[in-house]
Amino acid sequence: MLNKRFNYLKRAYVTAASSLIAPGLLTHSQVYANSAAEVVGMAYDAEGEHLLYEEFHNNLSRDGHTVRYAAPSGELIAEKNLDYSTRGYQPSFTLTNNITGEVLKVNTEAQALTLELLEIEQGAQPTKKSRTLTLDVNAALVVDAGFVNYLTSHWETLSAGETLSFNFLLPDHLKAYPLRAFEVACEDNSLCVRITLKNRLFAFFSSDIHLEFDRQTQRLLRYRGRSNIALNDGDYPLVDIRYRYF
């Protein structure tokens, strides 16, 4: 069960995050805090036809913010708290999924990453799984939603058509996997980026991430890829998320 729930990190790179992944999925405090009091993400299925859930990004600041994931009915699915105050690329975060009954905590303070997963079943004691990893803070190591911070920090590189390489941490494996990001064609007012695994064998079994940014504000406008939130069937669906700023 624990390993199954951690699969979103493998499949979404999050997740993110969102709640990327994703991260979850895809939360970037500097971009969201740019003249926005709230950001709402509408997460549709891969075909863009059916609304699966909504993301509400609040308490926006350069140091972090909160994300609430709600079903179309308004029911709270999950909640995520991100803290970028120590490292913009390696945020600490807590993700609580009300559907799976799990709480994932990642702390990236100091020189070590601490991972804790609680699996809570009604009427039972939580199952706890904890691991620690020593980080190289000078490496191009990205954690969870920090990868959007990383991309916008290398905006000129991407805009010039160059490929950006970085390592994305999978906490369940305590291992970082190399990714590459590069610009792809899209509308004139947007910068579109595709993220893939550098390893061709792994890339064959995974879904790429497609991002669309506003060229002027560097705000994230759209995310297409694997969700970082498990829904009722326990799976992490492919989603098409469109973001609005208020």
Foldseek 3Di string as FASTA:
>chain_A
DVVLLLCLCLFQCADDCVVYVVLVPQDALVLQVPPFQKKKKFKDFQVRPHTAWMWIWHPRDNQWTKIWIAGPVRHTAKIKTWGCPAHLQEIWMWIAGPQQQKIWTWDCPDQKIKIWMWGDDPPDDTDIDIDMGGHDVPFLEGERNSVLVVCVVCVVCQVVFHKDKGWYASVVVRDTFIKIKHFDDDDPQKTKIKIAGPDPVSRVVHDIKIWIAGPPSRHTAWIWGWHSHQDNVRGTGTIIMGMDGD
